[in-house]
Amino acid sequence: MLKSFGKVNSTSGRATLVCATLLALTAGLAHAGDGVSADQIRDALTKPRISRSMTAPAPDATASAAQGKFVASLRNRPTRSLSLGEREQIATIAREKPAIDLEITFDYNSAEISQKAMPQVAALGQALSDPGLKGSTFVVAGHTDATGGEEYNQELSERRAESIKRHLVDKYGVAAADLVAVGYGKSKPKDAANPADPTNRRVEVVTMTDKTASK
């Protein structure tokens, strides 16, 4: 798995953010430290997450239609307009969707993307600009570790997810409606046994619908 990014580190004065697999693990992805390429990002965001268990029922047509309608309703929504219930529904849907983690660092106590992180953000921008992905609906979900207050972490995760979204729109021409920025603060640690661990700092990028379903 790739590592994550997301909030203030009180000892190093750096904050780490990530574009990530939501609550399930994805096998076979490169590590962020390996320098994830645009091709790797594109492939991860188009391949199925994990084969559905043979005992798990496939969603019926009514449920699939309702899910598609909900995802379509998220397009053009401001991050802070999303209710807790909507954020939880996004997380539930995203569990089985294609996703990838990308390590992106931020300046101390800031939503400004660090210069060090720009090559990785560029790879993400190139991937999302690919004709094979362009027009799909993606969630950019921000997470922090458990250090600090709940309200602070929630706000920081939202600002950093929005920062990534704005950069992708402004620098790479990704349609704003195709990117749904969501903040989860410290409510969904990747490593629940170690809530203050840096691996919990992340922003997850998940393909919610392909380009044909998003129109």
Protein backbone atom coordinates (compact mmCIF):
# COMPACT_ATOMS: atom_id res chain seq x y z
CA MET A 1 0.00 0.00 0.00
CA LEU A 2 0.93 3.56 -0.53
CA LYS A 3 1.37 5.94 2.35
CA SER A 4 -0.86 8.83 3.28
CA PHE A 5 -1.02 12.51 3.98
CA GLY A 6 -3.02 14.87 6.05
CA LYS A 7 -2.11 17.12 9.00
CA VAL A 8 0.27 18.95 11.28
CA ASN A 9 3.27 17.08 12.64
CA SER A 10 4.21 18.83 15.90
CA THR A 11 7.76 17.42 16.00
CA SER A 12 8.89 17.98 12.42
CA GLY A 13 6.82 21.05 11.63
CA ARG A 14 5.62 19.34 8.49
CA ALA A 15 2.21 18.07 7.55
CA THR A 16 1.63 15.05 5.43
CA LEU A 17 -1.28 14.49 3.09
CA VAL A 18 -2.29 11.58 0.89
CA CYS A 19 -4.51 10.52 -1.98
CA ALA A 20 -5.67 7.08 -0.91
CA THR A 21 -7.53 3.80 -0.80
CA LEU A 22 -10.53 4.36 1.44
CA LEU A 23 -11.28 1.76 4.09
CA ALA A 24 -10.20 -1.44 2.32
CA LEU A 25 -6.70 -2.38 1.19
CA THR A 26 -5.68 -2.56 -2.46
CA ALA A 27 -3.08 -5.11 -3.45
CA GLY A 28 -0.23 -4.62 -5.90
CA LEU A 29 0.16 -0.84 -5.80
CA ALA A 30 3.53 0.92 -5.77
CA HIS A 31 4.65 2.72 -2.62
CA ALA A 32 4.64 6.51 -2.58
CA GLY A 33 8.33 6.49 -1.83
CA ASP A 34 8.92 4.72 -5.15
CA GLY A 35 7.67 7.79 -7.02
CA VAL A 36 4.22 6.88 -8.30
CA SER A 37 3.90 7.65 -11.99
CA ALA A 38 0.91 9.00 -13.89
CA ASP A 39 0.53 5.59 -15.54
CA GLN A 40 0.44 3.84 -12.17
CA ILE A 41 -2.16 6.27 -10.89
CA ARG A 42 -4.29 5.88 -14.00
CA ASP A 43 -4.13 2.08 -13.81
CA ALA A 44 -5.04 2.03 -10.10
CA LEU A 45 -8.02 4.31 -10.66
CA THR A 46 -9.42 2.13 -13.44
CA LYS A 47 -8.90 -1.40 -12.08
CA PRO A 48 -11.48 -3.06 -9.80
CA ARG A 49 -10.75 -2.79 -6.06
CA ILE A 50 -11.13 -6.35 -4.81
CA SER A 51 -13.28 -9.14 -6.19
CA ARG A 52 -16.62 -9.22 -4.44
CA SER A 53 -17.01 -12.15 -2.07
CA MET A 54 -19.03 -14.96 -3.58
CA THR A 55 -21.27 -14.81 -0.52
CA ALA A 56 -21.91 -11.08 -0.86
CA PRO A 57 -24.98 -10.24 -2.94
CA ALA A 58 -24.50 -7.97 -5.91
CA PRO A 59 -26.40 -4.67 -5.65
CA ASP A 60 -29.78 -4.78 -7.34
CA ALA A 61 -30.79 -2.36 -10.06
CA THR A 62 -32.71 -0.13 -7.66
CA ALA A 63 -29.77 0.17 -5.26
CA SER A 64 -27.34 0.84 -8.11
CA ALA A 65 -29.60 3.54 -9.50
CA ALA A 66 -29.92 5.18 -6.08
CA GLN A 67 -26.15 5.09 -5.61
CA GLY A 68 -25.59 6.67 -9.01
CA LYS A 69 -28.12 9.40 -8.27
CA PHE A 70 -26.42 10.17 -4.95
CA VAL A 71 -22.96 10.40 -6.52
CA ALA A 72 -24.31 12.65 -9.27
CA SER A 73 -25.77 14.95 -6.59
CA LEU A 74 -22.29 15.47 -5.13
CA ARG A 75 -20.92 17.11 -8.24
CA ASN A 76 -20.36 20.88 -7.78
CA ARG A 77 -20.99 20.58 -4.02
CA PRO A 78 -18.75 22.69 -1.73
CA THR A 79 -16.82 20.56 0.77
CA ARG A 80 -18.33 22.19 3.84
CA SER A 81 -21.87 21.74 2.54
CA LEU A 82 -21.64 17.96 3.00
CA SER A 83 -23.43 16.65 6.05
CA LEU A 84 -22.04 13.95 8.33
CA GLY A 85 -24.55 11.51 6.87
CA GLU A 86 -23.45 12.31 3.32
CA ARG A 87 -19.79 11.92 4.24
CA GLU A 88 -20.53 8.50 5.72
CA GLN A 89 -22.47 7.47 2.62
CA ILE A 90 -19.54 8.50 0.43
CA ALA A 91 -17.18 6.39 2.57
CA THR A 92 -19.47 3.37 2.30
CA ILE A 93 -19.74 3.57 -1.48
CA ALA A 94 -16.01 4.16 -1.86
CA ARG A 95 -15.02 0.93 -0.10
CA GLU A 96 -15.32 -1.11 -3.29
CA LYS A 97 -14.21 1.53 -5.79
CA PRO A 98 -10.79 1.80 -7.51
CA ALA A 99 -8.39 3.98 -5.47
CA ILE A 100 -4.76 4.89 -4.82
CA ASP A 101 -2.62 6.51 -2.09
CA LEU A 102 -0.19 9.27 -3.02
CA GLU A 103 2.13 10.95 -0.53
CA ILE A 104 1.81 14.73 -0.69
CA THR A 105 3.32 17.01 1.95
CA PHE A 106 2.06 20.39 3.14
CA ASP A 107 3.73 23.29 4.88
CA TYR A 108 3.37 23.49 8.65
CA ASN A 109 -0.18 24.31 9.79
CA SER A 110 -1.10 25.11 6.20
CA ALA A 111 -3.14 23.85 3.27
CA GLU A 112 -0.44 24.99 0.83
CA ILE A 113 1.08 22.07 -1.08
CA SER A 114 4.83 21.89 -0.47
CA GLN A 115 7.30 22.26 -3.33
CA LYS A 116 8.61 18.80 -2.53
CA ALA A 117 5.17 17.34 -3.27
CA MET A 118 4.66 19.06 -6.62
CA PRO A 119 6.06 16.22 -8.81
CA GLN A 120 3.62 13.77 -7.25
CA VAL A 121 0.72 16.20 -7.64
CA ALA A 122 1.78 16.67 -11.27
CA ALA A 123 1.57 12.91 -11.82
CA LEU A 124 -1.94 12.92 -10.37
CA GLY A 125 -2.94 15.83 -12.59
CA GLN A 126 -1.58 14.08 -15.68
CA ALA A 127 -3.43 10.88 -14.79
CA LEU A 128 -6.79 12.60 -14.23
CA SER A 129 -6.34 14.47 -17.52
CA ASP A 130 -5.99 11.19 -19.40
CA PRO A 131 -8.82 10.58 -21.89
CA GLY A 132 -9.51 7.26 -20.17
CA LEU A 133 -10.31 8.99 -16.88
CA LYS A 134 -11.48 12.41 -17.96
CA GLY A 135 -15.16 12.87 -17.15
CA SER A 136 -15.24 10.33 -14.32
CA THR A 137 -16.31 11.42 -10.83
CA PHE A 138 -13.55 11.24 -8.20
CA VAL A 139 -13.64 11.73 -4.45
CA VAL A 140 -10.67 13.50 -2.85
CA ALA A 141 -11.08 12.65 0.85
CA GLY A 142 -8.90 14.29 3.50
CA HIS A 143 -7.91 12.53 6.74
CA THR A 144 -5.69 13.45 9.70
CA ASP A 145 -4.16 11.56 12.59
CA ALA A 146 -5.59 11.83 16.10
CA THR A 147 -3.26 14.57 17.36
CA GLY A 148 -5.19 17.76 18.12
CA GLY A 149 -8.85 18.57 18.50
CA GLU A 150 -11.68 17.10 16.47
CA GLU A 151 -12.89 20.42 15.07
CA TYR A 152 -9.39 21.51 14.07
CA ASN A 153 -8.64 18.22 12.35
CA GLN A 154 -11.94 18.25 10.49
CA GLU A 155 -11.33 21.75 9.16
CA LEU A 156 -7.73 20.97 8.21
CA SER A 157 -8.68 17.82 6.31
CA GLU A 158 -11.28 19.79 4.36
CA ARG A 159 -8.87 22.59 3.47
CA ARG A 160 -6.21 20.21 2.25
CA ALA A 161 -8.63 18.19 0.14
CA GLU A 162 -9.88 21.47 -1.35
CA SER A 163 -6.29 22.58 -2.00
CA ILE A 164 -5.60 19.47 -4.06
CA LYS A 165 -8.86 19.95 -5.94
CA ARG A 166 -8.12 23.59 -6.78
CA HIS A 167 -4.63 22.74 -7.98
CA LEU A 168 -5.91 19.99 -10.27
CA VAL A 169 -8.56 22.31 -11.69
CA ASP A 170 -6.28 25.35 -12.12
CA LYS A 171 -3.11 23.64 -13.35
CA TYR A 172 -4.35 20.56 -15.18
CA GLY A 173 -7.78 21.53 -16.42
CA VAL A 174 -9.64 18.82 -14.52
CA ALA A 175 -13.30 19.77 -14.39
CA ALA A 176 -14.27 20.99 -10.92
CA ALA A 177 -17.51 19.02 -11.09
CA ASP A 178 -15.51 15.81 -11.53
CA LEU A 179 -13.77 16.26 -8.14
CA VAL A 180 -15.69 15.90 -4.88
CA ALA A 181 -13.56 17.13 -1.94
CA VAL A 182 -14.50 15.60 1.42
CA GLY A 183 -13.01 16.00 4.91
CA TYR A 184 -13.07 13.26 7.55
CA GLY A 185 -10.68 14.75 10.13
CA LYS A 186 -9.47 12.06 12.52
CA SER A 187 -12.69 10.03 12.44
CA LYS A 188 -11.44 7.26 10.10
CA PRO A 189 -7.86 6.29 10.98
CA LYS A 190 -6.14 3.91 8.61
CA ASP A 191 -4.38 2.34 11.60
CA ALA A 192 -7.06 2.35 14.29
CA ALA A 193 -4.74 0.69 16.79
CA ASN A 194 -2.31 3.62 16.49
CA PRO A 195 -4.48 6.71 15.86
CA ALA A 196 -1.56 9.16 16.14
CA ASP A 197 0.56 7.28 13.59
CA PRO A 198 1.59 9.30 10.50
CA THR A 199 0.01 6.68 8.21
CA ASN A 200 -3.38 8.05 9.26
CA ARG A 201 -2.62 11.40 7.58
CA ARG A 202 -3.94 11.07 4.10
CA VAL A 203 -6.23 12.29 1.35
CA GLU A 204 -7.85 9.50 -0.56
CA VAL A 205 -8.60 9.62 -4.29
CA VAL A 206 -11.35 7.22 -5.33
CA THR A 207 -13.07 6.67 -8.68
CA MET A 208 -16.75 6.87 -7.77
CA THR A 209 -18.16 6.57 -11.31
CA ASP A 210 -16.66 6.12 -14.74
CA LYS A 211 -17.03 8.81 -17.36
CA THR A 212 -20.12 7.28 -18.97
CA ALA A 213 -22.00 7.00 -15.67
CA SER A 214 -21.10 10.50 -14.48
CA LYS A 215 -22.90 12.34 -17.26
